[in-house]
Amino acid sequence: MPEGVVARVPDEIKKDIEFFAKQEQTDKSSMIRKLLVSAIKQKRLEYALSEYATRRVSLGKAAELAKLQISDFMEEASQRRIPINYTKEDLRRDFRAVFG
């Protein structure tokens, strides 16, 4: 069940929320939820990319952290010019995991 969260925001952000809610013909609560979902998705991706770029996590783990398919995560990394750290051994291990 959804839980309420209370947050104080600067007046400028409140006005932005109201503006976009009006533009999308929705209520402020729905707009806030939509914005939070988008921001959290972006934050997850940034975190996963950072962890991957510094080699603290594997490609698979980074994709999992970002809640993306590996191919989609690889595309995001590529767009940011983050090299893909995927060795032949990684490929063999993945094939064994999939095909036994």
PDB file of N, CA and C in Angstrom:
ATOM      1  N   MET A   1       0.835  -1.178   0.000  1.00  0.00           N
ATOM      2  CA  MET A   1       0.000   0.000   0.000  1.00  0.00           C
ATOM      3  C   MET A   1       0.884   1.246   0.000  1.00  0.00           C
ATOM      4  N   PRO A   2       0.568   2.208  -0.841  1.00  0.00           N
ATOM      5  CA  PRO A   2       1.372   3.443  -0.870  1.00  0.00           C
ATOM      6  C   PRO A   2       1.378   4.147   0.481  1.00  0.00           C
ATOM      7  N   GLU A   3       2.500   4.769   0.765  1.00  0.00           N
ATOM      8  CA  GLU A   3       2.663   5.490   2.026  1.00  0.00           C
ATOM      9  C   GLU A   3       2.899   6.959   1.723  1.00  0.00           C
ATOM     10  N   GLY A   4       2.327   7.813   2.515  1.00  0.00           N
ATOM     11  CA  GLY A   4       2.503   9.249   2.327  1.00  0.00           C
ATOM     12  C   GLY A   4       3.880   9.703   2.774  1.00  0.00           C
ATOM     13  N   VAL A   5       4.389  10.695   2.079  1.00  0.00           N
ATOM     14  CA  VAL A   5       5.669  11.312   2.412  1.00  0.00           C
ATOM     15  C   VAL A   5       5.459  12.816   2.381  1.00  0.00           C
ATOM     16  N   VAL A   6       5.983  13.483   3.377  1.00  0.00           N
ATOM     17  CA  VAL A   6       5.850  14.935   3.438  1.00  0.00           C
ATOM     18  C   VAL A   6       7.218  15.544   3.192  1.00  0.00           C
ATOM     19  N   ALA A   7       7.257  16.545   2.327  1.00  0.00           N
ATOM     20  CA  ALA A   7       8.520  17.227   2.041  1.00  0.00           C
ATOM     21  C   ALA A   7       8.247  18.715   1.852  1.00  0.00           C
ATOM     22  N   ARG A   8       9.106  19.519   2.393  1.00  0.00           N
ATOM     23  CA  ARG A   8       9.018  20.962   2.179  1.00  0.00           C
ATOM     24  C   ARG A   8       9.906  21.297   0.988  1.00  0.00           C
ATOM     25  N   VAL A   9       9.352  22.064   0.061  1.00  0.00           N
ATOM     26  CA  VAL A   9      10.114  22.440  -1.142  1.00  0.00           C
ATOM     27  C   VAL A   9      10.092  23.957  -1.288  1.00  0.00           C
ATOM     28  N   PRO A  10      11.122  24.497  -1.912  1.00  0.00           N
ATOM     29  CA  PRO A  10      11.131  25.944  -2.167  1.00  0.00           C
ATOM     30  C   PRO A  10       9.938  26.335  -3.044  1.00  0.00           C
ATOM     31  N   ASP A  11       9.532  27.571  -2.906  1.00  0.00           N
ATOM     32  CA  ASP A  11       8.380  28.086  -3.639  1.00  0.00           C
ATOM     33  C   ASP A  11       8.545  27.905  -5.153  1.00  0.00           C
ATOM     34  N   GLU A  12       9.753  28.077  -5.651  1.00  0.00           N
ATOM     35  CA  GLU A  12      10.000  27.931  -7.090  1.00  0.00           C
ATOM     36  C   GLU A  12       9.696  26.508  -7.571  1.00  0.00           C
ATOM     37  N   ILE A  13      10.069  25.514  -6.789  1.00  0.00           N
ATOM     38  CA  ILE A  13       9.776  24.125  -7.154  1.00  0.00           C
ATOM     39  C   ILE A  13       8.274  23.873  -7.087  1.00  0.00           C
ATOM     40  N   LYS A  14       7.623  24.415  -6.076  1.00  0.00           N
ATOM     41  CA  LYS A  14       6.169  24.279  -5.954  1.00  0.00           C
ATOM     42  C   LYS A  14       5.479  24.841  -7.201  1.00  0.00           C
ATOM     43  N   LYS A  15       5.949  25.999  -7.643  1.00  0.00           N
ATOM     44  CA  LYS A  15       5.377  26.617  -8.845  1.00  0.00           C
ATOM     45  C   LYS A  15       5.626  25.751 -10.078  1.00  0.00           C
ATOM     46  N   ASP A  16       6.817  25.156 -10.163  1.00  0.00           N
ATOM     47  CA  ASP A  16       7.109  24.262 -11.287  1.00  0.00           C
ATOM     48  C   ASP A  16       6.181  23.045 -11.281  1.00  0.00           C
ATOM     49  N   ILE A  17       5.959  22.484 -10.112  1.00  0.00           N
ATOM     50  CA  ILE A  17       5.056  21.339  -9.987  1.00  0.00           C
ATOM     51  C   ILE A  17       3.652  21.726 -10.442  1.00  0.00           C
ATOM     52  N   GLU A  18       3.192  22.858  -9.970  1.00  0.00           N
ATOM     53  CA  GLU A  18       1.863  23.330 -10.364  1.00  0.00           C
ATOM     54  C   GLU A  18       1.786  23.584 -11.871  1.00  0.00           C
ATOM     55  N   PHE A  19       2.833  24.182 -12.429  1.00  0.00           N
ATOM     56  CA  PHE A  19       2.866  24.472 -13.866  1.00  0.00           C
ATOM     57  C   PHE A  19       2.763  23.177 -14.672  1.00  0.00           C
ATOM     58  N   PHE A  20       3.611  22.197 -14.347  1.00  0.00           N
ATOM     59  CA  PHE A  20       3.606  20.960 -15.127  1.00  0.00           C
ATOM     60  C   PHE A  20       2.354  20.128 -14.885  1.00  0.00           C
ATOM     61  N   ALA A  21       1.813  20.182 -13.690  1.00  0.00           N
ATOM     62  CA  ALA A  21       0.548  19.489 -13.431  1.00  0.00           C
ATOM     63  C   ALA A  21      -0.546  20.069 -14.322  1.00  0.00           C
ATOM     64  N   LYS A  22      -0.567  21.389 -14.438  1.00  0.00           N
ATOM     65  CA  LYS A  22      -1.554  22.045 -15.294  1.00  0.00           C
ATOM     66  C   LYS A  22      -1.329  21.680 -16.760  1.00  0.00           C
ATOM     67  N   GLN A  23      -0.069  21.689 -17.190  1.00  0.00           N
ATOM     68  CA  GLN A  23       0.249  21.354 -18.576  1.00  0.00           C
ATOM     69  C   GLN A  23      -0.186  19.937 -18.938  1.00  0.00           C
ATOM     70  N   GLU A  24      -0.047  19.028 -17.998  1.00  0.00           N
ATOM     71  CA  GLU A  24      -0.401  17.627 -18.241  1.00  0.00           C
ATOM     72  C   GLU A  24      -1.814  17.300 -17.763  1.00  0.00           C
ATOM     73  N   GLN A  25      -2.518  18.315 -17.347  1.00  0.00           N
ATOM     74  CA  GLN A  25      -3.905  18.180 -16.896  1.00  0.00           C
ATOM     75  C   GLN A  25      -4.058  17.062 -15.851  1.00  0.00           C
ATOM     76  N   THR A  26      -3.248  17.209 -14.814  1.00  0.00           N
ATOM     77  CA  THR A  26      -3.284  16.242 -13.721  1.00  0.00           C
ATOM     78  C   THR A  26      -3.183  17.000 -12.401  1.00  0.00           C
ATOM     79  N   ASP A  27      -3.302  16.288 -11.316  1.00  0.00           N
ATOM     80  CA  ASP A  27      -3.200  16.941 -10.009  1.00  0.00           C
ATOM     81  C   ASP A  27      -1.734  16.976  -9.553  1.00  0.00           C
ATOM     82  N   LYS A  28      -1.475  17.804  -8.545  1.00  0.00           N
ATOM     83  CA  LYS A  28      -0.104  17.988  -8.063  1.00  0.00           C
ATOM     84  C   LYS A  28       0.485  16.682  -7.516  1.00  0.00           C
ATOM     85  N   SER A  29      -0.314  15.902  -6.810  1.00  0.00           N
ATOM     86  CA  SER A  29       0.199  14.646  -6.249  1.00  0.00           C
ATOM     87  C   SER A  29       0.657  13.696  -7.343  1.00  0.00           C
ATOM     88  N   SER A  30      -0.119  13.590  -8.397  1.00  0.00           N
ATOM     89  CA  SER A  30       0.264  12.716  -9.515  1.00  0.00           C
ATOM     90  C   SER A  30       1.537  13.221 -10.176  1.00  0.00           C
ATOM     91  N   MET A  31       1.643  14.531 -10.332  1.00  0.00           N
ATOM     92  CA  MET A  31       2.839  15.108 -10.939  1.00  0.00           C
ATOM     93  C   MET A  31       4.059  14.859 -10.066  1.00  0.00           C
ATOM     94  N   ILE A  32       3.928  15.019  -8.765  1.00  0.00           N
ATOM     95  CA  ILE A  32       5.044  14.770  -7.854  1.00  0.00           C
ATOM     96  C   ILE A  32       5.480  13.310  -7.948  1.00  0.00           C
ATOM     97  N   ARG A  33       4.522  12.380  -7.961  1.00  0.00           N
ATOM     98  CA  ARG A  33       4.868  10.961  -8.088  1.00  0.00           C
ATOM     99  C   ARG A  33       5.612  10.706  -9.400  1.00  0.00           C
ATOM    100  N   LYS A  34       5.119  11.279 -10.488  1.00  0.00           N
ATOM    101  CA  LYS A  34       5.760  11.094 -11.790  1.00  0.00           C
ATOM    102  C   LYS A  34       7.192  11.633 -11.776  1.00  0.00           C
ATOM    103  N   LEU A  35       7.375  12.814 -11.200  1.00  0.00           N
ATOM    104  CA  LEU A  35       8.707  13.408 -11.121  1.00  0.00           C
ATOM    105  C   LEU A  35       9.644  12.594 -10.229  1.00  0.00           C
ATOM    106  N   LEU A  36       9.123  12.081  -9.122  1.00  0.00           N
ATOM    107  CA  LEU A  36       9.949  11.257  -8.233  1.00  0.00           C
ATOM    108  C   LEU A  36      10.385   9.971  -8.917  1.00  0.00           C
ATOM    109  N   VAL A  37       9.479   9.330  -9.621  1.00  0.00           N
ATOM    110  CA  VAL A  37       9.830   8.100 -10.338  1.00  0.00           C
ATOM    111  C   VAL A  37      10.938   8.379 -11.336  1.00  0.00           C
ATOM    112  N   SER A  38      10.800   9.460 -12.081  1.00  0.00           N
ATOM    113  CA  SER A  38      11.808   9.833 -13.075  1.00  0.00           C
ATOM    114  C   SER A  38      13.150  10.145 -12.413  1.00  0.00           C
ATOM    115  N   ALA A  39      13.130  10.899 -11.331  1.00  0.00           N
ATOM    116  CA  ALA A  39      14.365  11.277 -10.634  1.00  0.00           C
ATOM    117  C   ALA A  39      15.056  10.066 -10.023  1.00  0.00           C
ATOM    118  N   ILE A  40      14.290   9.158  -9.453  1.00  0.00           N
ATOM    119  CA  ILE A  40      14.881   7.963  -8.842  1.00  0.00           C
ATOM    120  C   ILE A  40      15.479   7.055  -9.911  1.00  0.00           C
ATOM    121  N   LYS A  41      14.794   6.922 -11.037  1.00  0.00           N
ATOM    122  CA  LYS A  41      15.328   6.134 -12.146  1.00  0.00           C
ATOM    123  C   LYS A  41      16.665   6.718 -12.608  1.00  0.00           C
ATOM    124  N   GLN A  42      16.725   8.033 -12.745  1.00  0.00           N
ATOM    125  CA  GLN A  42      17.959   8.699 -13.161  1.00  0.00           C
ATOM    126  C   GLN A  42      19.053   8.540 -12.108  1.00  0.00           C
ATOM    127  N   LYS A  43      18.702   8.662 -10.840  1.00  0.00           N
ATOM    128  CA  LYS A  43      19.684   8.520  -9.759  1.00  0.00           C
ATOM    129  C   LYS A  43      20.238   7.101  -9.716  1.00  0.00           C
ATOM    130  N   ARG A  44      19.369   6.092  -9.917  1.00  0.00           N
ATOM    131  CA  ARG A  44      19.820   4.692  -9.952  1.00  0.00           C
ATOM    132  C   ARG A  44      20.837   4.497 -11.078  1.00  0.00           C
ATOM    133  N   LEU A  45      20.518   5.059 -12.251  1.00  0.00           N
ATOM    134  CA  LEU A  45      21.401   4.921 -13.396  1.00  0.00           C
ATOM    135  C   LEU A  45      22.742   5.592 -13.119  1.00  0.00           C
ATOM    136  N   GLU A  46      22.726   6.810 -12.606  1.00  0.00           N
ATOM    137  CA  GLU A  46      23.972   7.526 -12.296  1.00  0.00           C
ATOM    138  C   GLU A  46      24.818   6.752 -11.287  1.00  0.00           C
ATOM    139  N   TYR A  47      24.169   6.205 -10.271  1.00  0.00           N
ATOM    140  CA  TYR A  47      24.880   5.429  -9.253  1.00  0.00           C
ATOM    141  C   TYR A  47      25.505   4.180  -9.873  1.00  0.00           C
ATOM    142  N   ALA A  48      24.730   3.457 -10.651  1.00  0.00           N
ATOM    143  CA  ALA A  48      25.223   2.238 -11.281  1.00  0.00           C
ATOM    144  C   ALA A  48      26.375   2.538 -12.236  1.00  0.00           C
ATOM    145  N   LEU A  49      26.249   3.603 -13.018  1.00  0.00           N
ATOM    146  CA  LEU A  49      27.326   3.980 -13.938  1.00  0.00           C
ATOM    147  C   LEU A  49      28.599   4.341 -13.178  1.00  0.00           C
ATOM    148  N   SER A  50      28.452   5.054 -12.080  1.00  0.00           N
ATOM    149  CA  SER A  50      29.605   5.430 -11.269  1.00  0.00           C
ATOM    150  C   SER A  50      30.287   4.192 -10.676  1.00  0.00           C
ATOM    151  N   GLU A  51      29.492   3.297 -10.132  1.00  0.00           N
ATOM    152  CA  GLU A  51      30.044   2.065  -9.547  1.00  0.00           C
ATOM    153  C   GLU A  51      30.742   1.221 -10.617  1.00  0.00           C
ATOM    154  N   TYR A  52      30.142   1.164 -11.787  1.00  0.00           N
ATOM    155  CA  TYR A  52      30.716   0.382 -12.885  1.00  0.00           C
ATOM    156  C   TYR A  52      31.991   1.038 -13.419  1.00  0.00           C
ATOM    157  N   ALA A  53      31.964   2.339 -13.609  1.00  0.00           N
ATOM    158  CA  ALA A  53      33.121   3.056 -14.157  1.00  0.00           C
ATOM    159  C   ALA A  53      34.346   2.923 -13.263  1.00  0.00           C
ATOM    160  N   THR A  54      34.121   2.828 -11.964  1.00  0.00           N
ATOM    161  CA  THR A  54      35.238   2.689 -11.022  1.00  0.00           C
ATOM    162  C   THR A  54      35.523   1.223 -10.692  1.00  0.00           C
ATOM    163  N   ARG A  55      34.860   0.338 -11.427  1.00  0.00           N
ATOM    164  CA  ARG A  55      35.056  -1.122 -11.320  1.00  0.00           C
ATOM    165  C   ARG A  55      34.748  -1.687  -9.946  1.00  0.00           C
ATOM    166  N   ARG A  56      33.832  -1.054  -9.247  1.00  0.00           N
ATOM    167  CA  ARG A  56      33.397  -1.595  -7.956  1.00  0.00           C
ATOM    168  C   ARG A  56      32.341  -2.673  -8.139  1.00  0.00           C
ATOM    169  N   VAL A  57      31.667  -2.661  -9.301  1.00  0.00           N
ATOM    170  CA  VAL A  57      30.672  -3.695  -9.594  1.00  0.00           C
ATOM    171  C   VAL A  57      30.859  -4.169 -11.036  1.00  0.00           C
ATOM    172  N   SER A  58      30.364  -5.365 -11.291  1.00  0.00           N
ATOM    173  CA  SER A  58      30.433  -5.937 -12.635  1.00  0.00           C
ATOM    174  C   SER A  58      29.375  -5.317 -13.535  1.00  0.00           C
ATOM    175  N   LEU A  59      29.458  -5.635 -14.802  1.00  0.00           N
ATOM    176  CA  LEU A  59      28.480  -5.164 -15.770  1.00  0.00           C
ATOM    177  C   LEU A  59      27.080  -5.640 -15.387  1.00  0.00           C
ATOM    178  N   GLY A  60      26.954  -6.913 -15.063  1.00  0.00           N
ATOM    179  CA  GLY A  60      25.650  -7.467 -14.685  1.00  0.00           C
ATOM    180  C   GLY A  60      25.083  -6.819 -13.432  1.00  0.00           C
ATOM    181  N   LYS A  61      25.935  -6.631 -12.430  1.00  0.00           N
ATOM    182  CA  LYS A  61      25.494  -6.007 -11.182  1.00  0.00           C
ATOM    183  C   LYS A  61      25.098  -4.554 -11.418  1.00  0.00           C
ATOM    184  N   ALA A  62      25.857  -3.850 -12.245  1.00  0.00           N
ATOM    185  CA  ALA A  62      25.532  -2.454 -12.541  1.00  0.00           C
ATOM    186  C   ALA A  62      24.182  -2.360 -13.248  1.00  0.00           C
ATOM    187  N   ALA A  63      23.942  -3.246 -14.205  1.00  0.00           N
ATOM    188  CA  ALA A  63      22.651  -3.259 -14.894  1.00  0.00           C
ATOM    189  C   ALA A  63      21.527  -3.546 -13.904  1.00  0.00           C
ATOM    190  N   GLU A  64      21.789  -4.464 -12.990  1.00  0.00           N
ATOM    191  CA  GLU A  64      20.794  -4.795 -11.948  1.00  0.00           C
ATOM    192  C   GLU A  64      20.525  -3.577 -11.061  1.00  0.00           C
ATOM    193  N   LEU A  65      21.571  -2.875 -10.648  1.00  0.00           N
ATOM    194  CA  LEU A  65      21.403  -1.675  -9.817  1.00  0.00           C
ATOM    195  C   LEU A  65      20.570  -0.617 -10.544  1.00  0.00           C
ATOM    196  N   ALA A  66      20.795  -0.501 -11.854  1.00  0.00           N
ATOM    197  CA  ALA A  66      20.078   0.494 -12.662  1.00  0.00           C
ATOM    198  C   ALA A  66      18.681   0.008 -13.054  1.00  0.00           C
ATOM    199  N   LYS A  67      18.405  -1.261 -12.779  1.00  0.00           N
ATOM    200  CA  LYS A  67      17.139  -1.893 -13.172  1.00  0.00           C
ATOM    201  C   LYS A  67      16.942  -1.821 -14.685  1.00  0.00           C
ATOM    202  N   LEU A  68      18.043  -2.170 -15.404  1.00  0.00           N
ATOM    203  CA  LEU A  68      18.030  -2.189 -16.862  1.00  0.00           C
ATOM    204  C   LEU A  68      18.521  -3.542 -17.359  1.00  0.00           C
ATOM    205  N   GLN A  69      18.148  -3.876 -18.581  1.00  0.00           N
ATOM    206  CA  GLN A  69      18.746  -5.031 -19.249  1.00  0.00           C
ATOM    207  C   GLN A  69      20.217  -4.695 -19.484  1.00  0.00           C
ATOM    208  N   ILE A  70      21.063  -5.717 -19.537  1.00  0.00           N
ATOM    209  CA  ILE A  70      22.495  -5.470 -19.731  1.00  0.00           C
ATOM    210  C   ILE A  70      22.740  -4.671 -21.006  1.00  0.00           C
ATOM    211  N   SER A  71      22.055  -5.025 -22.084  1.00  0.00           N
ATOM    212  CA  SER A  71      22.275  -4.313 -23.353  1.00  0.00           C
ATOM    213  C   SER A  71      21.901  -2.838 -23.233  1.00  0.00           C
ATOM    214  N   ASP A  72      20.828  -2.533 -22.505  1.00  0.00           N
ATOM    215  CA  ASP A  72      20.433  -1.135 -22.309  1.00  0.00           C
ATOM    216  C   ASP A  72      21.452  -0.393 -21.440  1.00  0.00           C
ATOM    217  N   PHE A  73      21.968  -1.085 -20.422  1.00  0.00           N
ATOM    218  CA  PHE A  73      22.984  -0.462 -19.578  1.00  0.00           C
ATOM    219  C   PHE A  73      24.253  -0.196 -20.385  1.00  0.00           C
ATOM    220  N   MET A  74      24.633  -1.154 -21.231  1.00  0.00           N
ATOM    221  CA  MET A  74      25.818  -0.978 -22.065  1.00  0.00           C
ATOM    222  C   MET A  74      25.650   0.236 -22.983  1.00  0.00           C
ATOM    223  N   GLU A  75      24.452   0.431 -23.503  1.00  0.00           N
ATOM    224  CA  GLU A  75      24.177   1.586 -24.356  1.00  0.00           C
ATOM    225  C   GLU A  75      24.331   2.884 -23.568  1.00  0.00           C
ATOM    226  N   GLU A  76      23.798   2.900 -22.350  1.00  0.00           N
ATOM    227  CA  GLU A  76      23.934   4.094 -21.499  1.00  0.00           C
ATOM    228  C   GLU A  76      25.404   4.379 -21.199  1.00  0.00           C
ATOM    229  N   ALA A  77      26.160   3.345 -20.886  1.00  0.00           N
ATOM    230  CA  ALA A  77      27.586   3.516 -20.601  1.00  0.00           C
ATOM    231  C   ALA A  77      28.313   4.037 -21.840  1.00  0.00           C
ATOM    232  N   SER A  78      27.981   3.476 -22.982  1.00  0.00           N
ATOM    233  CA  SER A  78      28.604   3.893 -24.235  1.00  0.00           C
ATOM    234  C   SER A  78      28.325   5.365 -24.538  1.00  0.00           C
ATOM    235  N   GLN A  79      27.095   5.795 -24.328  1.00  0.00           N
ATOM    236  CA  GLN A  79      26.734   7.186 -24.580  1.00  0.00           C
ATOM    237  C   GLN A  79      27.545   8.141 -23.701  1.00  0.00           C
ATOM    238  N   ARG A  80      27.962   7.647 -22.536  1.00  0.00           N
ATOM    239  CA  ARG A  80      28.750   8.474 -21.621  1.00  0.00           C
ATOM    240  C   ARG A  80      30.249   8.192 -21.743  1.00  0.00           C
ATOM    241  N   ARG A  81      30.599   7.427 -22.762  1.00  0.00           N
ATOM    242  CA  ARG A  81      31.986   7.065 -23.048  1.00  0.00           C
ATOM    243  C   ARG A  81      32.655   6.347 -21.889  1.00  0.00           C
ATOM    244  N   ILE A  82      31.881   5.497 -21.212  1.00  0.00           N
ATOM    245  CA  ILE A  82      32.426   4.645 -20.155  1.00  0.00           C
ATOM    246  C   ILE A  82      32.776   3.311 -20.812  1.00  0.00           C
ATOM    247  N   PRO A  83      34.041   2.919 -20.765  1.00  0.00           N
ATOM    248  CA  PRO A  83      34.432   1.671 -21.433  1.00  0.00           C
ATOM    249  C   PRO A  83      33.740   0.461 -20.816  1.00  0.00           C
ATOM    250  N   ILE A  84      33.422  -0.479 -21.673  1.00  0.00           N
ATOM    251  CA  ILE A  84      32.783  -1.715 -21.217  1.00  0.00           C
ATOM    252  C   ILE A  84      33.872  -2.654 -20.725  1.00  0.00           C
ATOM    253  N   ASN A  85      33.781  -3.030 -19.465  1.00  0.00           N
ATOM    254  CA  ASN A  85      34.746  -3.941 -18.840  1.00  0.00           C
ATOM    255  C   ASN A  85      34.171  -5.361 -18.917  1.00  0.00           C
ATOM    256  N   TYR A  86      34.293  -5.973 -20.073  1.00  0.00           N
ATOM    257  CA  TYR A  86      33.697  -7.293 -20.277  1.00  0.00           C
ATOM    258  C   TYR A  86      34.731  -8.160 -20.979  1.00  0.00           C
ATOM    259  N   THR A  87      35.247  -9.123 -20.247  1.00  0.00           N
ATOM    260  CA  THR A  87      36.323  -9.959 -20.772  1.00  0.00           C
ATOM    261  C   THR A  87      35.774 -11.234 -21.404  1.00  0.00           C
ATOM    262  N   LYS A  88      36.676 -11.975 -22.045  1.00  0.00           N
ATOM    263  CA  LYS A  88      36.292 -13.277 -22.605  1.00  0.00           C
ATOM    264  C   LYS A  88      35.811 -14.214 -21.493  1.00  0.00           C
ATOM    265  N   GLU A  89      36.451 -14.123 -20.343  1.00  0.00           N
ATOM    266  CA  GLU A  89      36.037 -14.969 -19.215  1.00  0.00           C
ATOM    267  C   GLU A  89      34.624 -14.594 -18.743  1.00  0.00           C
ATOM    268  N   ASP A  90      34.313 -13.306 -18.756  1.00  0.00           N
ATOM    269  CA  ASP A  90      32.952 -12.878 -18.424  1.00  0.00           C
ATOM    270  C   ASP A  90      31.958 -13.496 -19.399  1.00  0.00           C
ATOM    271  N   LEU A  91      32.300 -13.491 -20.679  1.00  0.00           N
ATOM    272  CA  LEU A  91      31.430 -14.066 -21.700  1.00  0.00           C
ATOM    273  C   LEU A  91      31.256 -15.565 -21.486  1.00  0.00           C
ATOM    274  N   ARG A  92      32.345 -16.267 -21.226  1.00  0.00           N
ATOM    275  CA  ARG A  92      32.252 -17.715 -20.953  1.00  0.00           C
ATOM    276  C   ARG A  92      31.365 -18.005 -19.739  1.00  0.00           C
ATOM    277  N   ARG A  93      31.563 -17.226 -18.686  1.00  0.00           N
ATOM    278  CA  ARG A  93      30.774 -17.418 -17.470  1.00  0.00           C
ATOM    279  C   ARG A  93      29.283 -17.166 -17.764  1.00  0.00           C
ATOM    280  N   ASP A  94      28.995 -16.135 -18.551  1.00  0.00           N
ATOM    281  CA  ASP A  94      27.602 -15.850 -18.889  1.00  0.00           C
ATOM    282  C   ASP A  94      26.988 -16.949 -19.738  1.00  0.00           C
ATOM    283  N   PHE A  95      27.762 -17.473 -20.699  1.00  0.00           N
ATOM    284  CA  PHE A  95      27.253 -18.576 -21.516  1.00  0.00           C
ATOM    285  C   PHE A  95      27.004 -19.818 -20.662  1.00  0.00           C
ATOM    286  N   ARG A  96      27.908 -20.123 -19.736  1.00  0.00           N
ATOM    287  CA  ARG A  96      27.693 -21.269 -18.841  1.00  0.00           C
ATOM    288  C   ARG A  96      26.446 -21.075 -17.995  1.00  0.00           C
ATOM    289  N   ALA A  97      26.229 -19.862 -17.527  1.00  0.00           N
ATOM    290  CA  ALA A  97      25.049 -19.579 -16.697  1.00  0.00           C
ATOM    291  C   ALA A  97      23.770 -19.766 -17.492  1.00  0.00           C
ATOM    292  N   VAL A  98      23.787 -19.391 -18.764  1.00  0.00           N
ATOM    293  CA  VAL A  98      22.585 -19.473 -19.582  1.00  0.00           C
ATOM    294  C   VAL A  98      22.383 -20.868 -20.148  1.00  0.00           C
ATOM    295  N   PHE A  99      23.457 -21.464 -20.665  1.00  0.00           N
ATOM    296  CA  PHE A  99      23.331 -22.736 -21.390  1.00  0.00           C
ATOM    297  C   PHE A  99      23.796 -23.958 -20.617  1.00  0.00           C
ATOM    298  N   GLY A 100      24.294 -23.730 -19.416  1.00  0.00           N
ATOM    299  CA  GLY A 100      24.691 -24.862 -18.576  1.00  0.00           C
ATOM    300  C   GLY A 100      26.008 -25.357 -18.840  1.00  0.00           C
TER     301      GLY A 100
END
